[in-house]
Amino acid sequence: MRREKWYHRLAVLGMAGALAACLAGCSGGAMSEAAGSGNSQTSAQEAQSGGDEGGASAEGQAAGAEGDTIKVGILHSLSGTMAISETSVRDAEILAIEEINAAGGVLGKQIEYIVEDGASDNATFTEKATKLLENDKVATVFGCWTSASRKAVVPVFENDNGLLWYPVQYEGMESSPNVMYIGAAPNQQIVPAVDYLAENYGTKIFLVGSDYVFPRTANSIIKAQAEAKGYEIVGEEYTPMGHTDYTTIINKIQAAQPDFVFNTLNGDSNVAFFKQLKDAGLSAEDVMTCSVSIAEEEVSGIGASYLDGHLVSWNYYQTTDTPENEKFVAAYKARYGEDRVTDDPIEAGYDAVYLWAAAVEKAGSTDVDAVREAAAGISFDAPEGTITIDGDNQHIYKTVRIGQVNSQGLIDEVWATDEPVKPDPYLSGYDWAAGLSGQS
């Protein structure tokens, strides 16, 4: 653990130089989709000076390591319905790579990244994941958003023994040895959000979601939770990804008169839903919604006036009060423009790169098996606070935060756990969740 902690402290200190490095060497605006490498912060390389207990030797060829570079993949939807959310996660991953490269790289090598567009299409995600692992032979991949895209590529990573760093909250009921789950498990987002809303707004719940695995499994969890706690489900509706007509569903919401709507719509369907909700004369004061796939980036795309007062559940906001977040937000805006916002998946994508770099340094190799073993227990002083990889399930200890959208388009924290919560992807700590794990 000595090296992990040494790297952890080094990463925090290194973030202090990120803004200056970005201002000196980085231009604003969105990054090209082409492969490349950049510049800016923490020397993961220096972590090796913490001792000799780092694992396998870095000498010889390991996955993705050739000459003076280590190749990694970035795989997100840069087109289609999910581009509204995923493009900025790519940007954050690139920022982290640039910072690490500027500080000396990983194992003394520069990180070379190859960007692929999943195009909001599961078959395309599978194709691009195969290309990155088998043709480009990358050391690891940072990517995906929807659970459908993740589930589409997991067999590829398991077959080729690749390692995917997945940056988004999800429905749980999964633990692949070839995935590092950097977003929230359901006990770190969905379950506490429902209890918070029931306590503060009432127990009549209307469920609205996109028609794929995450919303359906999330709502199965909520229905089991509701049955155990005496909450009432007064409606449940699903629409295809990219759906834009919510008139009928909004009429059903009005008729059901719920205390709150739990929203698991994804992508640009949220634009249509919230604009039509406001057109129907329904504000947060009339019917509160809580969303688990809308963060600052989506608020910006939808418009703050449509979401003002509504709730969200995440583990990080741009307004999160930590010294590391102040530096991260400044660096991100310096790199991509003052009008850009950070959010939970953006921050998680950024964290994933640093966690991977720390695991590589500890392992002394980019070999997937060695990195997986080294990753267990690694901590990082992230913008959201200290996060730690749980070696039992490759998920992250995370603080739960309920937030409320304000008129400026940012999110104000209204409730949080006192400390990071141990991930429980199968909800084994809840008696009422018994039997749910077979539904995903």
Protein backbone atom coordinates (compact mmCIF):
# COMPACT_ATOMS: atom_id res chain seq x y z
CA MET A 1 0.00 0.00 0.00
CA ARG A 2 2.97 2.36 0.48
CA ARG A 3 3.31 3.07 -3.24
CA GLU A 4 -0.44 3.57 -3.70
CA LYS A 5 -0.53 6.20 -1.00
CA TRP A 6 2.60 7.87 -2.34
CA TYR A 7 1.05 8.12 -5.82
CA HIS A 8 -2.20 9.31 -4.26
CA ARG A 9 -0.45 12.24 -2.56
CA LEU A 10 1.57 12.95 -5.70
CA ALA A 11 -1.57 13.08 -7.84
CA VAL A 12 -3.12 15.67 -5.57
CA LEU A 13 -0.01 17.81 -5.60
CA GLY A 14 0.28 17.42 -9.35
CA MET A 15 -3.19 18.80 -9.98
CA ALA A 16 -1.95 22.16 -8.76
CA GLY A 17 0.06 22.43 -11.96
CA ALA A 18 -2.70 21.35 -14.29
CA LEU A 19 -4.22 24.76 -14.98
CA ALA A 20 -0.87 26.42 -15.61
CA ALA A 21 0.16 23.62 -17.94
CA CYS A 22 -3.12 23.77 -19.84
CA LEU A 23 -2.95 27.53 -20.18
CA ALA A 24 0.59 27.29 -21.46
CA GLY A 25 0.17 24.42 -23.87
CA CYS A 26 -3.48 23.74 -24.67
CA SER A 27 -5.89 25.51 -26.98
CA GLY A 28 -9.60 25.84 -26.28
CA GLY A 29 -12.44 24.13 -28.07
CA ALA A 30 -13.46 20.53 -28.61
CA MET A 31 -10.76 17.94 -29.30
CA SER A 32 -10.53 16.28 -32.69
CA GLU A 33 -11.77 12.70 -32.93
CA ALA A 34 -8.42 11.68 -34.42
CA ALA A 35 -5.87 9.81 -32.32
CA GLY A 36 -3.13 11.79 -30.64
CA SER A 37 -1.45 12.74 -27.41
CA GLY A 38 -1.21 15.96 -25.48
CA ASN A 39 0.22 17.65 -22.45
CA SER A 40 -0.26 18.70 -18.83
CA GLN A 41 0.00 17.15 -15.05
CA THR A 42 0.80 14.45 -12.47
CA SER A 43 3.84 12.25 -12.82
CA ALA A 44 2.54 8.74 -12.45
CA GLN A 45 6.07 7.73 -13.44
CA GLU A 46 7.51 9.14 -10.22
CA ALA A 47 5.30 6.83 -8.14
CA GLN A 48 7.71 4.01 -8.89
CA SER A 49 10.29 5.62 -6.61
CA GLY A 50 8.10 4.61 -3.65
CA GLY A 51 9.68 1.13 -3.43
CA ASP A 52 10.27 -2.21 -5.09
CA GLU A 53 6.92 -3.84 -4.32
CA GLY A 54 5.43 -2.84 -7.68
CA GLY A 55 4.83 -6.26 -9.20
CA ALA A 56 5.89 -7.39 -12.68
CA SER A 57 8.79 -5.79 -14.48
CA ALA A 58 8.00 -3.19 -17.11
CA GLU A 59 10.71 -4.58 -19.38
CA GLY A 60 9.63 -6.42 -22.52
CA GLN A 61 6.47 -5.97 -24.55
CA ALA A 62 3.18 -5.71 -22.68
CA ALA A 63 -0.25 -4.83 -24.05
CA GLY A 64 -0.25 -1.49 -25.82
CA ALA A 65 3.39 -0.71 -24.98
CA GLU A 66 5.65 -0.12 -27.96
CA GLY A 67 8.86 1.90 -27.85
CA ASP A 68 8.31 5.16 -26.03
CA THR A 69 4.49 5.06 -26.06
CA ILE A 70 1.59 3.17 -24.51
CA LYS A 71 -1.54 2.99 -26.65
CA VAL A 72 -4.98 3.27 -25.06
CA GLY A 73 -8.45 3.40 -26.57
CA ILE A 74 -11.27 5.90 -26.03
CA LEU A 75 -14.66 4.60 -27.13
CA HIS A 76 -17.71 6.85 -26.82
CA SER A 77 -20.71 7.96 -28.88
CA LEU A 78 -19.59 11.08 -30.73
CA SER A 79 -22.67 10.97 -32.96
CA GLY A 80 -26.28 9.88 -32.53
CA THR A 81 -28.65 10.26 -29.58
CA MET A 82 -25.99 9.72 -26.89
CA ALA A 83 -23.47 12.25 -28.24
CA ILE A 84 -25.08 14.91 -26.02
CA SER A 85 -23.63 13.05 -23.03
CA GLU A 86 -20.59 11.09 -24.19
CA THR A 87 -18.56 13.65 -26.16
CA SER A 88 -17.56 15.52 -23.01
CA VAL A 89 -16.52 12.31 -21.25
CA ARG A 90 -14.07 11.77 -24.11
CA ASP A 91 -12.79 15.31 -23.57
CA ALA A 92 -12.15 14.64 -19.87
CA GLU A 93 -10.28 11.43 -20.60
CA ILE A 94 -8.10 13.29 -23.09
CA LEU A 95 -7.44 16.03 -20.51
CA ALA A 96 -6.23 13.44 -17.98
CA ILE A 97 -3.97 11.84 -20.59
CA GLU A 98 -2.51 15.22 -21.51
CA GLU A 99 -1.81 16.02 -17.87
CA ILE A 100 -0.10 12.69 -17.23
CA ASN A 101 1.96 12.98 -20.43
CA ALA A 102 3.12 16.49 -19.51
CA ALA A 103 4.32 15.16 -16.16
CA GLY A 104 6.38 12.35 -17.68
CA GLY A 105 3.85 9.75 -18.71
CA VAL A 106 3.37 6.24 -17.34
CA LEU A 107 6.34 3.94 -16.76
CA GLY A 108 8.41 6.62 -18.47
CA LYS A 109 6.32 6.33 -21.65
CA GLN A 110 3.90 8.77 -23.26
CA ILE A 111 0.26 7.73 -23.59
CA GLU A 112 -1.00 7.63 -27.18
CA TYR A 113 -4.77 7.58 -27.45
CA ILE A 114 -6.95 6.26 -30.26
CA VAL A 115 -10.51 7.61 -30.35
CA GLU A 116 -13.40 5.63 -31.83
CA ASP A 117 -17.06 6.63 -32.25
CA GLY A 118 -19.61 4.12 -30.97
CA ALA A 119 -22.25 6.18 -32.81
CA SER A 120 -24.99 5.40 -30.23
CA ASP A 121 -25.23 1.95 -31.79
CA ASN A 122 -24.46 -1.28 -29.91
CA ALA A 123 -23.18 -3.16 -32.95
CA THR A 124 -20.81 -0.29 -33.72
CA PHE A 125 -19.54 -0.35 -30.13
CA THR A 126 -18.78 -4.07 -30.53
CA GLU A 127 -17.00 -3.48 -33.83
CA LYS A 128 -14.89 -0.61 -32.49
CA ALA A 129 -14.00 -2.45 -29.27
CA THR A 130 -12.78 -5.39 -31.36
CA LYS A 131 -10.70 -3.04 -33.53
CA LEU A 132 -9.09 -1.35 -30.53
CA LEU A 133 -8.16 -4.62 -28.84
CA GLU A 134 -7.29 -6.84 -31.78
CA ASN A 135 -5.97 -4.43 -34.44
CA ASP A 136 -4.66 -1.48 -32.45
CA LYS A 137 -3.68 -3.71 -29.50
CA VAL A 138 -4.33 -1.00 -26.94
CA ALA A 139 -3.36 -1.53 -23.30
CA THR A 140 -6.83 -0.55 -22.05
CA VAL A 141 -10.02 1.21 -23.14
CA PHE A 142 -11.95 4.05 -21.49
CA GLY A 143 -15.50 4.14 -22.74
CA CYS A 144 -19.22 3.46 -23.16
CA TRP A 145 -22.18 5.14 -21.47
CA THR A 146 -25.39 3.14 -21.80
CA SER A 147 -25.60 -0.28 -20.18
CA ALA A 148 -26.64 -1.66 -23.54
CA SER A 149 -23.36 -0.52 -25.11
CA ARG A 150 -21.39 -1.85 -22.14
CA LYS A 151 -23.11 -5.24 -22.31
CA ALA A 152 -22.47 -5.33 -26.05
CA VAL A 153 -18.70 -4.97 -25.60
CA VAL A 154 -18.14 -7.00 -22.40
CA PRO A 155 -17.90 -10.32 -24.35
CA VAL A 156 -15.22 -8.75 -26.54
CA PHE A 157 -13.18 -7.65 -23.52
CA GLU A 158 -13.61 -11.02 -21.83
CA ASN A 159 -12.70 -12.97 -24.99
CA ASP A 160 -9.60 -10.84 -25.70
CA ASN A 161 -8.74 -10.26 -22.02
CA GLY A 162 -8.97 -6.51 -22.42
CA LEU A 163 -9.80 -4.04 -19.66
CA LEU A 164 -12.65 -1.51 -19.96
CA TRP A 165 -12.88 1.48 -17.60
CA TYR A 166 -16.60 2.30 -17.54
CA PRO A 167 -17.32 5.83 -16.23
CA VAL A 168 -21.09 5.94 -15.73
CA GLN A 169 -23.55 4.99 -12.99
CA TYR A 170 -25.52 1.89 -13.85
CA GLU A 171 -28.10 -0.62 -12.67
CA GLY A 172 -25.69 -3.07 -11.05
CA MET A 173 -26.22 -6.84 -11.18
CA GLU A 174 -22.88 -7.26 -12.95
CA SER A 175 -19.22 -7.75 -12.07
CA SER A 176 -16.97 -8.68 -14.98
CA PRO A 177 -13.25 -9.25 -14.33
CA ASN A 178 -12.62 -7.25 -17.50
CA VAL A 179 -14.47 -4.09 -16.43
CA MET A 180 -13.57 -1.43 -13.87
CA TYR A 181 -16.85 0.25 -12.85
CA ILE A 182 -16.01 3.88 -12.02
CA GLY A 183 -19.60 5.17 -11.82
CA ALA A 184 -22.12 4.48 -9.07
CA ALA A 185 -23.59 1.11 -8.24
CA PRO A 186 -27.35 1.21 -7.48
CA ASN A 187 -26.77 1.49 -3.72
CA GLN A 188 -24.73 4.63 -4.41
CA GLN A 189 -27.37 6.43 -6.49
CA ILE A 190 -30.79 4.86 -7.16
CA VAL A 191 -31.67 3.37 -3.77
CA PRO A 192 -30.69 6.37 -1.60
CA ALA A 193 -32.37 8.77 -4.05
CA VAL A 194 -35.71 6.96 -3.81
CA ASP A 195 -35.56 6.96 -0.01
CA TYR A 196 -34.64 10.66 0.06
CA LEU A 197 -37.54 11.56 -2.22
CA ALA A 198 -40.04 9.41 -0.33
CA GLU A 199 -39.01 11.05 2.93
CA ASN A 200 -39.10 14.60 1.61
CA TYR A 201 -41.79 14.60 -1.12
CA GLY A 202 -44.08 11.62 -0.61
CA THR A 203 -44.35 7.96 -1.44
CA LYS A 204 -46.34 7.94 -4.71
CA ILE A 205 -43.86 7.28 -7.53
CA PHE A 206 -44.22 7.47 -11.32
CA LEU A 207 -41.46 5.74 -13.32
CA VAL A 208 -40.39 7.02 -16.75
CA GLY A 209 -37.47 5.49 -18.66
CA SER A 210 -35.90 4.62 -21.98
CA ASP A 211 -36.61 1.10 -23.16
CA TYR A 212 -33.37 -0.78 -22.51
CA VAL A 213 -31.56 -2.61 -19.74
CA PHE A 214 -30.61 0.23 -17.37
CA PRO A 215 -34.05 1.83 -16.91
CA ARG A 216 -35.86 -1.50 -16.74
CA THR A 217 -33.47 -3.00 -14.20
CA ALA A 218 -33.33 0.27 -12.22
CA ASN A 219 -37.12 0.30 -12.06
CA SER A 220 -37.20 -3.35 -11.00
CA ILE A 221 -34.99 -2.31 -8.11
CA ILE A 222 -37.25 0.63 -7.27
CA LYS A 223 -40.38 -1.55 -7.38
CA ALA A 224 -38.82 -4.07 -4.98
CA GLN A 225 -37.71 -1.22 -2.72
CA ALA A 226 -41.18 0.35 -2.86
CA GLU A 227 -42.92 -2.92 -1.99
CA ALA A 228 -40.65 -3.44 1.02
CA LYS A 229 -41.03 0.11 2.32
CA GLY A 230 -44.67 0.82 1.59
CA TYR A 231 -44.12 3.21 -1.33
CA GLU A 232 -46.66 3.18 -4.18
CA ILE A 233 -45.84 2.91 -7.89
CA VAL A 234 -48.60 4.86 -9.66
CA GLY A 235 -47.26 4.59 -13.22
CA GLU A 236 -44.48 3.03 -15.29
CA GLU A 237 -43.73 4.04 -18.89
CA TYR A 238 -40.90 3.34 -21.35
CA THR A 239 -40.02 4.86 -24.72
CA PRO A 240 -37.42 3.95 -27.37
CA MET A 241 -34.06 5.73 -27.36
CA GLY A 242 -34.38 9.00 -29.25
CA HIS A 243 -38.14 9.23 -28.66
CA THR A 244 -39.49 12.79 -28.84
CA ASP A 245 -43.25 12.79 -28.20
CA TYR A 246 -44.11 12.67 -24.48
CA THR A 247 -47.59 14.19 -24.60
CA THR A 248 -49.37 10.95 -23.73
CA ILE A 249 -47.00 10.10 -20.88
CA ILE A 250 -47.27 13.61 -19.44
CA ASN A 251 -51.05 13.28 -19.52
CA LYS A 252 -50.70 10.01 -17.59
CA ILE A 253 -48.45 11.72 -15.04
CA GLN A 254 -51.01 14.46 -14.53
CA ALA A 255 -53.78 11.91 -14.07
CA ALA A 256 -51.79 9.79 -11.61
CA GLN A 257 -50.76 12.78 -9.45
CA PRO A 258 -47.51 11.27 -8.16
CA ASP A 259 -45.44 12.82 -5.40
CA PHE A 260 -42.46 12.55 -7.73
CA VAL A 261 -41.36 11.15 -11.08
CA PHE A 262 -38.23 8.98 -11.12
CA ASN A 263 -36.67 9.57 -14.53
CA THR A 264 -34.33 7.10 -16.24
CA LEU A 265 -34.61 8.50 -19.76
CA ASN A 266 -31.25 8.70 -21.52
CA GLY A 267 -29.82 10.85 -24.27
CA ASP A 268 -31.68 13.56 -26.13
CA SER A 269 -35.11 12.14 -25.20
CA ASN A 270 -34.68 14.19 -22.03
CA VAL A 271 -34.73 17.37 -24.12
CA ALA A 272 -38.18 16.57 -25.46
CA PHE A 273 -39.54 15.29 -22.13
CA PHE A 274 -38.63 18.33 -20.04
CA LYS A 275 -39.58 20.90 -22.68
CA GLN A 276 -42.98 19.25 -23.10
CA LEU A 277 -43.37 18.98 -19.33
CA LYS A 278 -42.92 22.75 -19.06
CA ASP A 279 -45.20 23.36 -22.06
CA ALA A 280 -47.87 21.45 -20.12
CA GLY A 281 -47.47 23.97 -17.30
CA LEU A 282 -45.71 21.57 -14.94
CA SER A 283 -42.72 22.93 -13.00
CA ALA A 284 -40.78 21.27 -10.20
CA GLU A 285 -43.28 22.83 -7.78
CA ASP A 286 -46.11 21.00 -9.55
CA VAL A 287 -44.42 17.62 -10.02
CA MET A 288 -40.90 16.96 -8.80
CA THR A 289 -38.67 14.78 -10.95
CA CYS A 290 -35.44 13.07 -10.00
CA SER A 291 -33.13 12.08 -12.85
CA VAL A 292 -30.13 9.76 -12.76
CA SER A 293 -28.88 10.38 -16.30
CA ILE A 294 -29.11 14.18 -16.38
CA ALA A 295 -26.08 16.11 -15.17
CA GLU A 296 -24.66 19.57 -15.89
CA GLU A 297 -23.82 18.70 -19.50
CA GLU A 298 -27.39 17.60 -20.22
CA VAL A 299 -28.80 20.62 -18.34
CA SER A 300 -26.76 22.81 -20.67
CA GLY A 301 -28.17 20.98 -23.71
CA ILE A 302 -31.77 21.00 -22.49
CA GLY A 303 -31.80 24.52 -21.01
CA ALA A 304 -31.71 25.45 -17.33
CA SER A 305 -35.15 27.05 -17.47
CA TYR A 306 -36.72 23.65 -18.20
CA LEU A 307 -34.96 21.90 -15.30
CA ASP A 308 -34.84 24.63 -12.66
CA GLY A 309 -35.74 23.15 -9.27
CA HIS A 310 -35.73 19.51 -10.36
CA LEU A 311 -33.55 16.94 -8.59
CA VAL A 312 -30.76 14.63 -9.71
CA SER A 313 -28.75 11.93 -7.96
CA TRP A 314 -25.00 11.56 -8.58
CA ASN A 315 -21.68 11.43 -6.72
CA TYR A 316 -20.14 14.65 -8.07
CA TYR A 317 -21.23 18.11 -9.26
CA GLN A 318 -19.28 21.01 -10.70
CA THR A 319 -20.11 22.80 -7.43
CA THR A 320 -18.65 20.02 -5.23
CA ASP A 321 -16.47 21.74 -2.65
CA THR A 322 -13.01 20.16 -2.68
CA PRO A 323 -9.62 21.71 -3.52
CA GLU A 324 -9.11 19.05 -6.19
CA ASN A 325 -12.40 19.98 -7.85
CA GLU A 326 -11.52 23.67 -7.97
CA LYS A 327 -8.36 22.77 -9.88
CA PHE A 328 -10.14 20.24 -12.11
CA VAL A 329 -12.90 22.65 -13.14
CA ALA A 330 -10.33 25.37 -13.88
CA ALA A 331 -8.21 22.98 -15.96
CA TYR A 332 -11.21 21.64 -17.89
CA LYS A 333 -12.45 25.13 -18.73
CA ALA A 334 -8.95 26.30 -19.66
CA ARG A 335 -8.66 23.32 -22.03
CA TYR A 336 -12.10 23.42 -23.62
CA GLY A 337 -13.61 26.86 -22.98
CA GLU A 338 -15.16 28.85 -20.16
CA ASP A 339 -18.66 27.97 -21.32
CA ARG A 340 -18.08 24.25 -20.76
CA VAL A 341 -19.32 22.50 -17.63
CA THR A 342 -18.13 19.45 -15.74
CA ASP A 343 -20.37 16.71 -14.41
CA ASP A 344 -20.32 13.27 -12.81
CA PRO A 345 -19.53 11.05 -15.83
CA ILE A 346 -17.03 13.66 -17.07
CA GLU A 347 -15.26 13.56 -13.71
CA ALA A 348 -15.45 9.75 -13.54
CA GLY A 349 -13.88 9.46 -17.00
CA TYR A 350 -11.06 11.74 -15.83
CA ASP A 351 -10.63 9.70 -12.64
CA ALA A 352 -10.52 6.45 -14.62
CA VAL A 353 -7.39 7.50 -16.49
CA TYR A 354 -5.59 8.38 -13.26
CA LEU A 355 -6.67 5.15 -11.57
CA TRP A 356 -5.43 3.12 -14.55
CA ALA A 357 -2.11 5.00 -14.52
CA ALA A 358 -1.70 4.33 -10.80
CA ALA A 359 -2.45 0.63 -11.29
CA VAL A 360 0.06 0.41 -14.17
CA GLU A 361 2.73 2.07 -12.04
CA LYS A 362 2.03 -0.26 -9.13
CA ALA A 363 2.09 -3.31 -11.44
CA GLY A 364 5.17 -2.10 -13.28
CA SER A 365 3.48 -3.26 -16.48
CA THR A 366 0.50 -2.67 -18.76
CA ASP A 367 -0.33 -6.38 -18.70
CA VAL A 368 -4.08 -6.62 -18.04
CA ASP A 369 -3.85 -9.36 -15.40
CA ALA A 370 -1.12 -7.48 -13.54
CA VAL A 371 -3.02 -4.18 -13.73
CA ARG A 372 -6.24 -5.79 -12.50
CA GLU A 373 -4.46 -7.28 -9.50
CA ALA A 374 -2.64 -4.04 -8.73
CA ALA A 375 -5.83 -1.95 -8.96
CA ALA A 376 -7.42 -3.49 -5.85
CA GLY A 377 -7.40 -0.98 -3.02
CA ILE A 378 -5.89 1.91 -4.98
CA SER A 379 -7.17 5.33 -3.84
CA PHE A 380 -7.16 8.67 -5.63
CA ASP A 381 -7.93 12.17 -4.33
CA ALA A 382 -10.47 12.84 -7.08
CA PRO A 383 -12.45 16.05 -7.62
CA GLU A 384 -15.43 14.36 -5.91
CA GLY A 385 -13.29 13.39 -2.90
CA THR A 386 -11.23 10.31 -2.12
CA ILE A 387 -12.28 7.30 -4.17
CA THR A 388 -11.02 3.73 -3.74
CA ILE A 389 -11.24 0.66 -5.97
CA ASP A 390 -12.97 -2.19 -4.14
CA GLY A 391 -10.88 -5.27 -4.85
CA ASP A 392 -13.88 -7.53 -4.26
CA ASN A 393 -15.88 -6.28 -7.24
CA GLN A 394 -13.86 -3.64 -9.16
CA HIS A 395 -16.35 -0.91 -8.30
CA ILE A 396 -15.58 2.33 -6.44
CA TYR A 397 -16.24 3.60 -2.92
CA LYS A 398 -18.19 6.83 -3.59
CA THR A 399 -20.04 9.56 -1.70
CA VAL A 400 -23.75 9.80 -2.63
CA ARG A 401 -25.02 13.32 -3.41
CA ILE A 402 -28.56 14.51 -4.18
CA GLY A 403 -28.56 17.79 -6.10
CA GLN A 404 -31.05 20.41 -7.29
CA VAL A 405 -30.72 22.20 -10.63
CA ASN A 406 -30.52 25.98 -10.26
CA SER A 407 -31.46 28.75 -12.70
CA GLN A 408 -27.83 29.11 -13.85
CA GLY A 409 -27.72 25.50 -15.01
CA LEU A 410 -25.49 24.26 -12.20
CA ILE A 411 -26.48 21.78 -9.52
CA ASP A 412 -26.52 22.53 -5.80
CA GLU A 413 -25.97 19.68 -3.38
CA VAL A 414 -28.94 19.29 -1.01
CA TRP A 415 -28.00 16.02 0.70
CA ALA A 416 -24.96 13.73 0.90
CA THR A 417 -23.71 10.71 2.80
CA ASP A 418 -21.18 11.37 5.54
CA GLU A 419 -18.49 9.25 3.88
CA PRO A 420 -17.87 7.17 0.75
CA VAL A 421 -20.24 4.20 0.47
CA LYS A 422 -18.96 0.70 -0.25
CA PRO A 423 -20.25 -0.44 -3.66
CA ASP A 424 -22.89 -3.18 -3.55
CA PRO A 425 -23.63 -3.94 -7.22
CA TYR A 426 -25.88 -6.93 -6.44
CA LEU A 427 -27.61 -5.18 -3.51
CA SER A 428 -26.69 -8.14 -1.33
CA GLY A 429 -27.00 -5.89 1.72
CA TYR A 430 -30.76 -5.42 1.16
CA ASP A 431 -33.14 -8.26 2.04
CA TRP A 432 -35.78 -6.89 -0.34
CA ALA A 433 -33.38 -7.18 -3.32
CA ALA A 434 -33.08 -10.96 -3.12
CA GLY A 435 -33.66 -12.46 -6.55
CA LEU A 436 -33.10 -9.25 -8.53
CA SER A 437 -29.65 -10.23 -9.80
CA GLY A 438 -31.09 -12.53 -12.46
CA GLN A 439 -33.01 -9.71 -14.16
CA SER A 440 -30.18 -7.88 -15.96
